[in-house]
């Protein structure tokens, strides 16, 4: 930390450059790991997480606990919503087709349940709402190893985000 209470690189790199560079670097890092593993780690709902960490590193909702628990609770809430509404057997939502009532119900349940559970465990992380919708609408499939690789991507994003928060001086007390 320097005397201003910000990280070591704060005085040299303006926010207007730092945030986009960090968000882009974060995606490059996840992409390279994806290529190395041969499995996808770039999930749409991690974009808002990386954006928020880059732009608002001191926000308490950007801590690793909030990121990991927030996204995993959203994934689980959406899976429960999909199962409980019978949407699991339906095709994913498509802009070319009418929204199926089961998918709409699953989306509502997933978002509400995600918000309730996140608040109960003090893991509020707004970008995880995208995870809830992607899973409940069938865009992010629940079958196979999706949950495993999604979890790995979330943990990697949270660890990387914490490093960036400390470098930039955005650690909330």
N, C-alpha and C. Protein backbone atom coordinates (compact mmCIF):
# COMPACT_ATOMS: atom_id res chain seq x y z
N UNK A 1 0.84 -1.18 0.00
CA UNK A 1 0.00 0.00 0.00
C UNK A 1 0.88 1.24 0.00
N UNK A 2 0.41 2.26 -0.61
CA UNK A 2 1.11 3.53 -0.57
C UNK A 2 0.42 4.45 0.44
N UNK A 3 0.91 5.64 0.59
CA UNK A 3 0.36 6.56 1.58
C UNK A 3 -1.08 6.96 1.34
N UNK A 4 -1.59 6.80 0.15
CA UNK A 4 -2.96 7.21 -0.15
C UNK A 4 -3.98 6.16 0.26
N UNK A 5 -3.51 5.00 0.75
CA UNK A 5 -4.44 3.94 1.12
C UNK A 5 -4.82 3.08 -0.07
N UNK A 6 -4.19 3.31 -1.20
CA UNK A 6 -4.47 2.51 -2.40
C UNK A 6 -3.28 1.61 -2.68
N UNK A 7 -3.45 0.68 -3.55
CA UNK A 7 -2.41 -0.30 -3.87
C UNK A 7 -1.19 0.33 -4.50
N UNK A 8 -0.20 -0.50 -4.70
CA UNK A 8 1.08 -0.06 -5.23
C UNK A 8 0.99 0.56 -6.62
N UNK A 9 0.04 0.10 -7.43
CA UNK A 9 -0.05 0.58 -8.80
C UNK A 9 -1.08 1.69 -8.98
N UNK A 10 -1.73 2.09 -7.91
CA UNK A 10 -2.80 3.09 -8.01
C UNK A 10 -2.33 4.43 -8.58
N UNK A 11 -1.18 4.97 -8.13
CA UNK A 11 -0.82 6.29 -8.63
C UNK A 11 -0.38 6.29 -10.10
N UNK A 12 0.08 5.17 -10.62
CA UNK A 12 0.64 5.14 -11.96
C UNK A 12 -0.38 4.81 -13.05
N UNK A 13 -1.43 4.11 -12.70
CA UNK A 13 -2.39 3.68 -13.71
C UNK A 13 -3.76 4.28 -13.40
N UNK A 14 -4.27 5.17 -14.26
CA UNK A 14 -5.59 5.76 -14.00
C UNK A 14 -6.70 4.70 -14.09
N UNK A 15 -7.76 4.93 -13.32
CA UNK A 15 -8.89 3.99 -13.30
C UNK A 15 -9.47 3.73 -14.68
N UNK A 16 -9.48 4.77 -15.52
CA UNK A 16 -10.05 4.63 -16.87
C UNK A 16 -9.30 3.60 -17.71
N UNK A 17 -8.04 3.36 -17.37
CA UNK A 17 -7.25 2.34 -18.07
C UNK A 17 -7.17 1.04 -17.27
N UNK A 18 -7.05 1.19 -15.95
CA UNK A 18 -6.88 0.02 -15.08
C UNK A 18 -8.06 -0.95 -15.19
N UNK A 19 -9.27 -0.47 -15.04
CA UNK A 19 -10.44 -1.35 -14.99
C UNK A 19 -10.61 -2.16 -16.28
N UNK A 20 -10.61 -1.54 -17.47
CA UNK A 20 -10.77 -2.35 -18.68
C UNK A 20 -9.59 -3.30 -18.90
N UNK A 21 -8.39 -2.86 -18.57
CA UNK A 21 -7.22 -3.73 -18.75
C UNK A 21 -7.32 -4.95 -17.85
N UNK A 22 -7.74 -4.75 -16.62
CA UNK A 22 -7.86 -5.85 -15.67
C UNK A 22 -8.98 -6.79 -16.07
N UNK A 23 -10.11 -6.25 -16.49
CA UNK A 23 -11.22 -7.10 -16.92
C UNK A 23 -10.80 -7.94 -18.13
N UNK A 24 -10.13 -7.32 -19.08
CA UNK A 24 -9.65 -8.06 -20.25
C UNK A 24 -8.61 -9.10 -19.90
N UNK A 25 -7.67 -8.73 -19.04
CA UNK A 25 -6.64 -9.67 -18.60
C UNK A 25 -7.26 -10.85 -17.86
N UNK A 26 -8.28 -10.58 -17.08
CA UNK A 26 -8.97 -11.65 -16.35
C UNK A 26 -9.59 -12.66 -17.31
N UNK A 27 -10.23 -12.15 -18.37
CA UNK A 27 -10.82 -13.06 -19.36
C UNK A 27 -9.75 -13.83 -20.13
N UNK A 28 -8.65 -13.16 -20.44
CA UNK A 28 -7.55 -13.85 -21.12
C UNK A 28 -7.03 -14.99 -20.25
N UNK A 29 -6.85 -14.72 -18.96
CA UNK A 29 -6.35 -15.74 -18.04
C UNK A 29 -7.29 -16.94 -17.98
N UNK A 30 -8.59 -16.68 -17.81
CA UNK A 30 -9.55 -17.79 -17.78
C UNK A 30 -9.59 -18.52 -19.13
N UNK A 31 -9.47 -17.78 -20.21
CA UNK A 31 -9.46 -18.39 -21.53
C UNK A 31 -8.25 -19.29 -21.74
N UNK A 32 -7.08 -18.85 -21.30
CA UNK A 32 -5.87 -19.67 -21.43
C UNK A 32 -5.97 -20.94 -20.59
N UNK A 33 -6.49 -20.81 -19.38
CA UNK A 33 -6.67 -21.99 -18.54
C UNK A 33 -7.68 -22.93 -19.19
N UNK A 34 -8.73 -22.38 -19.78
CA UNK A 34 -9.72 -23.19 -20.50
C UNK A 34 -9.07 -23.98 -21.62
N UNK A 35 -8.24 -23.30 -22.39
CA UNK A 35 -7.55 -23.97 -23.50
C UNK A 35 -6.64 -25.08 -22.99
N UNK A 36 -5.94 -24.79 -21.88
CA UNK A 36 -5.05 -25.79 -21.30
C UNK A 36 -5.78 -27.01 -20.78
N UNK A 37 -6.93 -26.80 -20.18
CA UNK A 37 -7.72 -27.91 -19.64
C UNK A 37 -8.53 -28.62 -20.71
N UNK A 38 -8.82 -27.92 -21.78
CA UNK A 38 -9.68 -28.49 -22.81
C UNK A 38 -11.15 -28.46 -22.41
N UNK A 39 -11.49 -27.61 -21.45
CA UNK A 39 -12.87 -27.46 -20.98
C UNK A 39 -13.17 -25.97 -20.79
N UNK A 40 -14.41 -25.57 -21.05
CA UNK A 40 -14.73 -24.14 -20.94
C UNK A 40 -14.73 -23.63 -19.50
N UNK A 41 -14.12 -22.48 -19.32
CA UNK A 41 -14.17 -21.77 -18.04
C UNK A 41 -14.67 -20.35 -18.23
N UNK A 42 -14.99 -19.98 -19.45
CA UNK A 42 -15.53 -18.65 -19.73
C UNK A 42 -17.05 -18.76 -19.75
N UNK A 43 -17.66 -18.33 -18.66
CA UNK A 43 -19.11 -18.39 -18.53
C UNK A 43 -19.65 -16.97 -18.54
N UNK A 44 -20.78 -16.73 -19.21
CA UNK A 44 -21.31 -15.37 -19.34
C UNK A 44 -21.50 -14.63 -18.03
N UNK A 45 -21.90 -15.32 -16.98
CA UNK A 45 -22.18 -14.61 -15.73
C UNK A 45 -20.91 -14.19 -14.99
N UNK A 46 -19.75 -14.66 -15.42
CA UNK A 46 -18.51 -14.20 -14.80
C UNK A 46 -18.09 -12.84 -15.35
N UNK A 47 -18.58 -12.47 -16.52
CA UNK A 47 -18.28 -11.15 -17.08
C UNK A 47 -18.67 -10.02 -16.14
N UNK A 48 -19.93 -10.01 -15.64
CA UNK A 48 -20.31 -8.96 -14.69
C UNK A 48 -19.49 -8.99 -13.40
N UNK A 49 -19.10 -10.18 -12.96
CA UNK A 49 -18.26 -10.28 -11.76
C UNK A 49 -16.92 -9.60 -12.00
N UNK A 50 -16.27 -9.95 -13.09
CA UNK A 50 -14.96 -9.37 -13.39
C UNK A 50 -15.06 -7.86 -13.63
N UNK A 51 -16.13 -7.44 -14.26
CA UNK A 51 -16.38 -6.01 -14.47
C UNK A 51 -16.48 -5.28 -13.13
N UNK A 52 -17.31 -5.81 -12.23
CA UNK A 52 -17.52 -5.15 -10.94
C UNK A 52 -16.23 -5.11 -10.11
N UNK A 53 -15.47 -6.20 -10.12
CA UNK A 53 -14.22 -6.21 -9.36
C UNK A 53 -13.24 -5.19 -9.93
N UNK A 54 -13.19 -5.07 -11.24
CA UNK A 54 -12.27 -4.12 -11.87
C UNK A 54 -12.68 -2.67 -11.61
N UNK A 55 -13.99 -2.41 -11.62
CA UNK A 55 -14.49 -1.04 -11.48
C UNK A 55 -14.66 -0.64 -10.01
N UNK A 56 -15.10 -1.56 -9.18
CA UNK A 56 -15.40 -1.26 -7.77
C UNK A 56 -14.72 -2.26 -6.84
N UNK A 57 -13.39 -2.28 -6.80
CA UNK A 57 -12.69 -3.30 -6.02
C UNK A 57 -12.95 -3.23 -4.52
N UNK A 58 -13.32 -2.08 -3.99
CA UNK A 58 -13.54 -1.96 -2.55
C UNK A 58 -14.94 -2.39 -2.11
N UNK A 59 -15.81 -2.64 -3.04
CA UNK A 59 -17.18 -3.04 -2.70
C UNK A 59 -17.15 -4.39 -1.98
N UNK A 60 -17.77 -4.44 -0.81
CA UNK A 60 -17.75 -5.67 0.00
C UNK A 60 -18.38 -6.86 -0.71
N UNK A 61 -19.26 -6.62 -1.66
CA UNK A 61 -19.89 -7.74 -2.36
C UNK A 61 -18.95 -8.36 -3.40
N UNK A 62 -17.75 -7.81 -3.54
CA UNK A 62 -16.77 -8.36 -4.48
C UNK A 62 -15.72 -9.22 -3.79
N UNK A 63 -15.92 -9.52 -2.51
CA UNK A 63 -14.99 -10.38 -1.78
C UNK A 63 -15.10 -11.82 -2.30
N UNK A 64 -14.04 -12.63 -2.12
CA UNK A 64 -14.10 -14.02 -2.59
C UNK A 64 -15.31 -14.79 -2.06
N UNK A 65 -15.65 -14.62 -0.79
CA UNK A 65 -16.81 -15.33 -0.24
C UNK A 65 -18.07 -14.99 -1.03
N UNK A 66 -18.27 -13.72 -1.27
CA UNK A 66 -19.47 -13.28 -1.99
C UNK A 66 -19.48 -13.82 -3.42
N UNK A 67 -18.33 -13.79 -4.07
CA UNK A 67 -18.26 -14.26 -5.45
C UNK A 67 -18.54 -15.75 -5.53
N UNK A 68 -17.82 -16.54 -4.75
CA UNK A 68 -17.96 -18.00 -4.82
C UNK A 68 -19.33 -18.43 -4.32
N UNK A 69 -19.67 -18.04 -3.10
CA UNK A 69 -20.96 -18.46 -2.54
C UNK A 69 -22.11 -17.91 -3.37
N UNK A 70 -22.00 -16.66 -3.79
CA UNK A 70 -23.07 -16.05 -4.57
C UNK A 70 -23.38 -16.81 -5.85
N UNK A 71 -22.35 -17.13 -6.62
CA UNK A 71 -22.56 -17.85 -7.88
C UNK A 71 -23.01 -19.29 -7.65
N UNK A 72 -22.40 -19.97 -6.67
CA UNK A 72 -22.77 -21.37 -6.45
C UNK A 72 -24.18 -21.48 -5.87
N UNK A 73 -24.56 -20.55 -5.01
CA UNK A 73 -25.95 -20.54 -4.52
C UNK A 73 -26.92 -20.26 -5.66
N UNK A 74 -26.54 -19.38 -6.57
CA UNK A 74 -27.40 -19.09 -7.72
C UNK A 74 -27.55 -20.32 -8.61
N UNK A 75 -26.45 -21.02 -8.85
CA UNK A 75 -26.49 -22.23 -9.68
C UNK A 75 -27.40 -23.27 -9.02
N UNK A 76 -27.20 -23.48 -7.71
CA UNK A 76 -28.02 -24.45 -6.99
C UNK A 76 -29.48 -24.05 -6.92
N UNK A 77 -29.75 -22.78 -6.69
CA UNK A 77 -31.13 -22.29 -6.64
C UNK A 77 -31.82 -22.49 -7.99
N UNK A 78 -31.09 -22.21 -9.05
CA UNK A 78 -31.66 -22.37 -10.39
C UNK A 78 -31.90 -23.84 -10.71
N UNK A 79 -30.96 -24.69 -10.32
CA UNK A 79 -31.15 -26.13 -10.56
C UNK A 79 -32.39 -26.63 -9.83
N UNK A 80 -32.57 -26.20 -8.59
CA UNK A 80 -33.76 -26.57 -7.83
C UNK A 80 -35.02 -26.03 -8.50
N UNK A 81 -34.97 -24.81 -8.98
CA UNK A 81 -36.12 -24.21 -9.66
C UNK A 81 -36.46 -24.95 -10.95
N UNK A 82 -35.45 -25.31 -11.71
CA UNK A 82 -35.67 -26.05 -12.96
C UNK A 82 -36.30 -27.40 -12.66
N UNK A 83 -35.78 -28.08 -11.67
CA UNK A 83 -36.31 -29.39 -11.29
C UNK A 83 -37.75 -29.26 -10.79
N UNK A 84 -38.01 -28.28 -9.93
CA UNK A 84 -39.34 -28.17 -9.31
C UNK A 84 -40.43 -27.72 -10.28
N UNK A 85 -40.05 -27.06 -11.35
CA UNK A 85 -41.06 -26.60 -12.32
C UNK A 85 -41.20 -27.54 -13.52
N UNK A 86 -40.38 -28.55 -13.58
CA UNK A 86 -40.44 -29.47 -14.71
C UNK A 86 -39.77 -28.93 -15.96
N UNK A 87 -38.97 -27.89 -15.81
CA UNK A 87 -38.32 -27.27 -16.98
C UNK A 87 -37.10 -28.05 -17.46
N UNK A 88 -36.65 -29.01 -16.67
CA UNK A 88 -35.43 -29.75 -17.03
C UNK A 88 -35.54 -30.47 -18.36
N UNK A 89 -36.72 -30.91 -18.70
CA UNK A 89 -36.90 -31.68 -19.95
C UNK A 89 -37.17 -30.77 -21.16
N UNK A 90 -37.23 -29.48 -20.93
CA UNK A 90 -37.54 -28.55 -22.02
C UNK A 90 -36.27 -28.06 -22.71
N UNK A 91 -36.44 -27.61 -23.93
CA UNK A 91 -35.33 -27.00 -24.66
C UNK A 91 -34.96 -25.67 -24.00
N UNK A 92 -33.71 -25.25 -24.15
CA UNK A 92 -33.32 -23.94 -23.60
C UNK A 92 -34.12 -22.81 -24.24
N UNK A 93 -34.22 -21.71 -23.53
CA UNK A 93 -34.89 -20.54 -24.07
C UNK A 93 -34.20 -20.10 -25.36
N UNK A 94 -35.00 -19.65 -26.29
CA UNK A 94 -34.48 -19.17 -27.57
C UNK A 94 -35.23 -17.90 -27.95
N UNK A 95 -34.52 -16.95 -28.50
CA UNK A 95 -35.17 -15.71 -28.94
C UNK A 95 -36.11 -15.97 -30.10
N UNK A 96 -35.96 -17.11 -30.76
CA UNK A 96 -36.80 -17.43 -31.92
C UNK A 96 -38.09 -18.17 -31.54
N UNK A 97 -38.22 -18.53 -30.28
CA UNK A 97 -39.38 -19.31 -29.82
C UNK A 97 -40.05 -18.58 -28.65
N UNK A 98 -41.34 -18.83 -28.44
CA UNK A 98 -42.01 -18.25 -27.27
C UNK A 98 -41.41 -18.82 -25.98
N UNK A 99 -41.40 -18.01 -24.94
CA UNK A 99 -40.90 -18.47 -23.65
C UNK A 99 -41.88 -19.48 -23.06
N UNK A 100 -41.36 -20.62 -22.65
CA UNK A 100 -42.21 -21.66 -22.06
C UNK A 100 -42.54 -21.27 -20.62
N UNK A 101 -43.78 -21.51 -20.18
CA UNK A 101 -44.20 -21.13 -18.82
C UNK A 101 -43.32 -21.74 -17.73
N UNK A 102 -42.88 -22.97 -17.93
CA UNK A 102 -42.03 -23.62 -16.92
C UNK A 102 -40.69 -22.90 -16.80
N UNK A 103 -40.15 -22.47 -17.92
CA UNK A 103 -38.88 -21.74 -17.89
C UNK A 103 -39.07 -20.37 -17.22
N UNK A 104 -40.18 -19.71 -17.51
CA UNK A 104 -40.47 -18.42 -16.88
C UNK A 104 -40.61 -18.59 -15.37
N UNK A 105 -41.34 -19.61 -14.94
CA UNK A 105 -41.52 -19.88 -13.51
C UNK A 105 -40.18 -20.22 -12.87
N UNK A 106 -39.38 -21.03 -13.55
CA UNK A 106 -38.06 -21.39 -13.01
C UNK A 106 -37.18 -20.15 -12.84
N UNK A 107 -37.25 -19.23 -13.79
CA UNK A 107 -36.44 -18.01 -13.70
C UNK A 107 -36.84 -17.17 -12.49
N UNK A 108 -38.14 -17.02 -12.27
CA UNK A 108 -38.62 -16.24 -11.12
C UNK A 108 -38.19 -16.91 -9.82
N UNK A 109 -38.43 -18.20 -9.70
CA UNK A 109 -38.06 -18.93 -8.48
C UNK A 109 -36.56 -18.86 -8.26
N UNK A 110 -35.78 -19.07 -9.31
CA UNK A 110 -34.32 -19.06 -9.18
C UNK A 110 -33.80 -17.71 -8.70
N UNK A 111 -34.31 -16.63 -9.26
CA UNK A 111 -33.83 -15.31 -8.86
C UNK A 111 -34.23 -14.98 -7.43
N UNK A 112 -35.49 -15.23 -7.09
CA UNK A 112 -35.96 -14.93 -5.74
C UNK A 112 -35.22 -15.78 -4.71
N UNK A 113 -35.10 -17.08 -4.97
CA UNK A 113 -34.40 -17.97 -4.04
C UNK A 113 -32.93 -17.58 -3.90
N UNK A 114 -32.30 -17.23 -5.00
CA UNK A 114 -30.91 -16.78 -4.96
C UNK A 114 -30.76 -15.56 -4.05
N UNK A 115 -31.64 -14.60 -4.21
CA UNK A 115 -31.56 -13.38 -3.40
C UNK A 115 -31.78 -13.66 -1.92
N UNK A 116 -32.76 -14.50 -1.62
CA UNK A 116 -33.06 -14.82 -0.21
C UNK A 116 -31.87 -15.54 0.43
N UNK A 117 -31.38 -16.58 -0.23
CA UNK A 117 -30.30 -17.38 0.36
C UNK A 117 -29.01 -16.57 0.45
N UNK A 118 -28.70 -15.78 -0.56
CA UNK A 118 -27.50 -14.94 -0.48
C UNK A 118 -27.55 -14.02 0.72
N UNK A 119 -28.69 -13.43 0.98
CA UNK A 119 -28.82 -12.53 2.12
C UNK A 119 -28.69 -13.29 3.44
N UNK A 120 -29.27 -14.48 3.49
CA UNK A 120 -29.20 -15.28 4.72
C UNK A 120 -27.77 -15.64 5.10
N UNK A 121 -26.95 -15.93 4.10
CA UNK A 121 -25.57 -16.34 4.39
C UNK A 121 -24.56 -15.20 4.17
N UNK A 122 -25.08 -14.00 3.99
CA UNK A 122 -24.25 -12.80 3.79
C UNK A 122 -23.26 -12.98 2.65
N UNK A 123 -23.80 -13.42 1.53
CA UNK A 123 -22.98 -13.63 0.33
C UNK A 123 -23.61 -12.94 -0.88
N UNK A 124 -24.14 -11.74 -0.67
CA UNK A 124 -24.78 -11.01 -1.77
C UNK A 124 -23.75 -10.70 -2.84
N UNK A 125 -24.08 -11.06 -4.06
CA UNK A 125 -23.22 -10.79 -5.21
C UNK A 125 -24.14 -10.67 -6.42
N UNK A 126 -24.49 -9.44 -6.77
CA UNK A 126 -25.49 -9.18 -7.82
C UNK A 126 -25.20 -9.89 -9.15
N UNK A 127 -23.94 -9.97 -9.61
CA UNK A 127 -23.70 -10.65 -10.88
C UNK A 127 -24.16 -12.11 -10.90
N UNK A 128 -24.31 -12.72 -9.73
CA UNK A 128 -24.77 -14.11 -9.67
C UNK A 128 -26.21 -14.24 -10.13
N UNK A 129 -26.95 -13.14 -10.17
CA UNK A 129 -28.31 -13.19 -10.71
C UNK A 129 -28.29 -13.66 -12.16
N UNK A 130 -27.23 -13.31 -12.87
CA UNK A 130 -27.08 -13.79 -14.25
C UNK A 130 -26.93 -15.31 -14.28
N UNK A 131 -26.20 -15.85 -13.32
CA UNK A 131 -26.07 -17.31 -13.23
C UNK A 131 -27.43 -17.95 -13.02
N UNK A 132 -28.22 -17.39 -12.11
CA UNK A 132 -29.55 -17.93 -11.83
C UNK A 132 -30.40 -17.95 -13.10
N UNK A 133 -30.36 -16.88 -13.86
CA UNK A 133 -31.16 -16.81 -15.09
C UNK A 133 -30.61 -17.71 -16.19
N UNK A 134 -29.31 -17.75 -16.35
CA UNK A 134 -28.73 -18.60 -17.39
C UNK A 134 -29.06 -20.08 -17.16
N UNK A 135 -29.00 -20.52 -15.91
CA UNK A 135 -29.31 -21.92 -15.61
C UNK A 135 -30.80 -22.17 -15.72
N UNK A 136 -31.62 -21.30 -15.14
CA UNK A 136 -33.07 -21.54 -15.13
C UNK A 136 -33.68 -21.46 -16.52
N UNK A 137 -33.10 -20.66 -17.40
CA UNK A 137 -33.61 -20.56 -18.76
C UNK A 137 -33.00 -21.61 -19.70
N UNK A 138 -32.10 -22.42 -19.15
CA UNK A 138 -31.52 -23.52 -19.92
C UNK A 138 -30.35 -23.14 -20.79
N UNK A 139 -29.90 -21.90 -20.71
CA UNK A 139 -28.78 -21.45 -21.53
C UNK A 139 -27.47 -22.06 -21.03
N UNK A 140 -27.34 -22.19 -19.72
CA UNK A 140 -26.20 -22.85 -19.10
C UNK A 140 -26.69 -24.22 -18.63
N UNK A 141 -26.35 -25.28 -19.35
CA UNK A 141 -26.92 -26.60 -19.04
C UNK A 141 -26.44 -27.14 -17.70
N UNK A 142 -27.28 -27.94 -17.08
CA UNK A 142 -26.95 -28.52 -15.78
C UNK A 142 -26.31 -29.90 -15.91
N UNK A 143 -26.37 -30.51 -17.07
CA UNK A 143 -25.89 -31.88 -17.21
C UNK A 143 -24.37 -31.93 -17.39
N UNK A 144 -23.85 -33.15 -17.25
CA UNK A 144 -22.43 -33.37 -17.47
C UNK A 144 -21.57 -32.66 -16.45
N UNK A 145 -20.46 -32.16 -16.92
CA UNK A 145 -19.47 -31.56 -16.02
C UNK A 145 -19.61 -30.04 -15.93
N UNK A 146 -20.72 -29.50 -16.40
CA UNK A 146 -20.90 -28.05 -16.38
C UNK A 146 -20.74 -27.48 -14.97
N UNK A 147 -21.38 -28.10 -13.98
CA UNK A 147 -21.30 -27.59 -12.61
C UNK A 147 -19.87 -27.61 -12.09
N UNK A 148 -19.13 -28.67 -12.41
CA UNK A 148 -17.74 -28.77 -11.97
C UNK A 148 -16.89 -27.66 -12.57
N UNK A 149 -16.96 -27.47 -13.87
CA UNK A 149 -16.14 -26.45 -14.52
C UNK A 149 -16.62 -25.04 -14.20
N UNK A 150 -17.91 -24.88 -14.00
CA UNK A 150 -18.42 -23.58 -13.58
C UNK A 150 -17.86 -23.24 -12.19
N UNK A 151 -17.90 -24.22 -11.28
CA UNK A 151 -17.37 -24.01 -9.92
C UNK A 151 -15.89 -23.66 -9.96
N UNK A 152 -15.13 -24.38 -10.77
CA UNK A 152 -13.70 -24.10 -10.90
C UNK A 152 -13.48 -22.68 -11.43
N UNK A 153 -14.24 -22.29 -12.43
CA UNK A 153 -14.10 -20.95 -13.00
C UNK A 153 -14.43 -19.87 -11.96
N UNK A 154 -15.45 -20.10 -11.16
CA UNK A 154 -15.85 -19.13 -10.13
C UNK A 154 -14.74 -19.00 -9.08
N UNK A 155 -14.19 -20.13 -8.64
CA UNK A 155 -13.11 -20.09 -7.64
C UNK A 155 -11.89 -19.37 -8.21
N UNK A 156 -11.51 -19.69 -9.43
CA UNK A 156 -10.37 -19.01 -10.06
C UNK A 156 -10.63 -17.51 -10.20
N UNK A 157 -11.82 -17.14 -10.61
CA UNK A 157 -12.17 -15.72 -10.75
C UNK A 157 -12.11 -15.03 -9.39
N UNK A 158 -12.57 -15.70 -8.34
CA UNK A 158 -12.55 -15.10 -7.00
C UNK A 158 -11.12 -14.92 -6.50
N UNK A 159 -10.27 -15.92 -6.71
CA UNK A 159 -8.88 -15.81 -6.28
C UNK A 159 -8.16 -14.69 -7.04
N UNK A 160 -8.33 -14.68 -8.34
CA UNK A 160 -7.72 -13.65 -9.18
C UNK A 160 -8.24 -12.27 -8.78
N UNK A 161 -9.52 -12.19 -8.52
CA UNK A 161 -10.13 -10.91 -8.13
C UNK A 161 -9.55 -10.41 -6.82
N UNK A 162 -9.32 -11.31 -5.87
CA UNK A 162 -8.76 -10.89 -4.59
C UNK A 162 -7.33 -10.38 -4.77
N UNK A 163 -6.56 -11.03 -5.60
CA UNK A 163 -5.20 -10.54 -5.88
C UNK A 163 -5.27 -9.13 -6.47
N UNK A 164 -6.16 -8.94 -7.42
CA UNK A 164 -6.30 -7.63 -8.05
C UNK A 164 -6.78 -6.57 -7.06
N UNK A 165 -7.70 -6.95 -6.18
CA UNK A 165 -8.19 -6.00 -5.17
C UNK A 165 -7.04 -5.56 -4.27
N UNK A 166 -6.18 -6.47 -3.91
CA UNK A 166 -5.06 -6.13 -3.02
C UNK A 166 -4.02 -5.28 -3.76
N UNK A 167 -3.75 -5.61 -5.01
CA UNK A 167 -2.79 -4.82 -5.80
C UNK A 167 -3.29 -3.40 -5.97
N UNK A 168 -4.57 -3.27 -6.24
CA UNK A 168 -5.15 -1.95 -6.49
C UNK A 168 -5.50 -1.22 -5.20
N UNK A 169 -5.52 -1.94 -4.09
CA UNK A 169 -5.83 -1.29 -2.82
C UNK A 169 -7.30 -1.22 -2.55
N UNK A 170 -8.06 -2.15 -3.07
CA UNK A 170 -9.50 -2.12 -2.89
C UNK A 170 -10.02 -3.10 -1.87
N UNK A 171 -9.22 -3.44 -0.87
CA UNK A 171 -9.67 -4.40 0.12
C UNK A 171 -10.55 -3.69 1.13
N UNK A 172 -11.78 -4.13 1.23
CA UNK A 172 -12.72 -3.53 2.18
C UNK A 172 -12.45 -4.08 3.57
N UNK A 173 -12.55 -3.23 4.55
CA UNK A 173 -12.31 -3.65 5.94
C UNK A 173 -13.43 -4.50 6.46
